[in-house]
């Protein structure tokens, strides 16, 4: 009985580690942020939050998401990372990229992210002509 429980526990732990590794998106390239990137700010009740710039691109017909961000409020940074962890990109209603923590976290006092490097991650999904893209958010607490 103890052997069965120990084997089950090892299997569950292995699945947990594999799931955690799968949740991380590999950075495929870096591109400079320019005026074609969308701007959003994640913030709570504070006046300053976490600014992100993002862009959806197609590379060799495959959809990639590129993004960079910086914190305007050091106390809010942890919450902003939790929000990024809960975001996903959808194409025609299907999630193709989950967890935006691969975005480049630019440090320093910035007025804009223009000229900074954005990290890109591949969805592995082919771009579809006329596709509709959207975002889904769920709060993740760690």
Foldseek 3Di string as FASTA:
>chain_A
DVVVVVVVVVVVVVVVVVVVVVQDFDFPDKDFDDPVWDWDFDDDPDPWAKIKTKDWDADPQFIKIWMAIEGPDPVRVVQVQQFQQFKFKDKQRHTQHHRRNQWHYDDDDDPDRGGPMITMGTSPDGDDVPIDMDMDTDGDDD
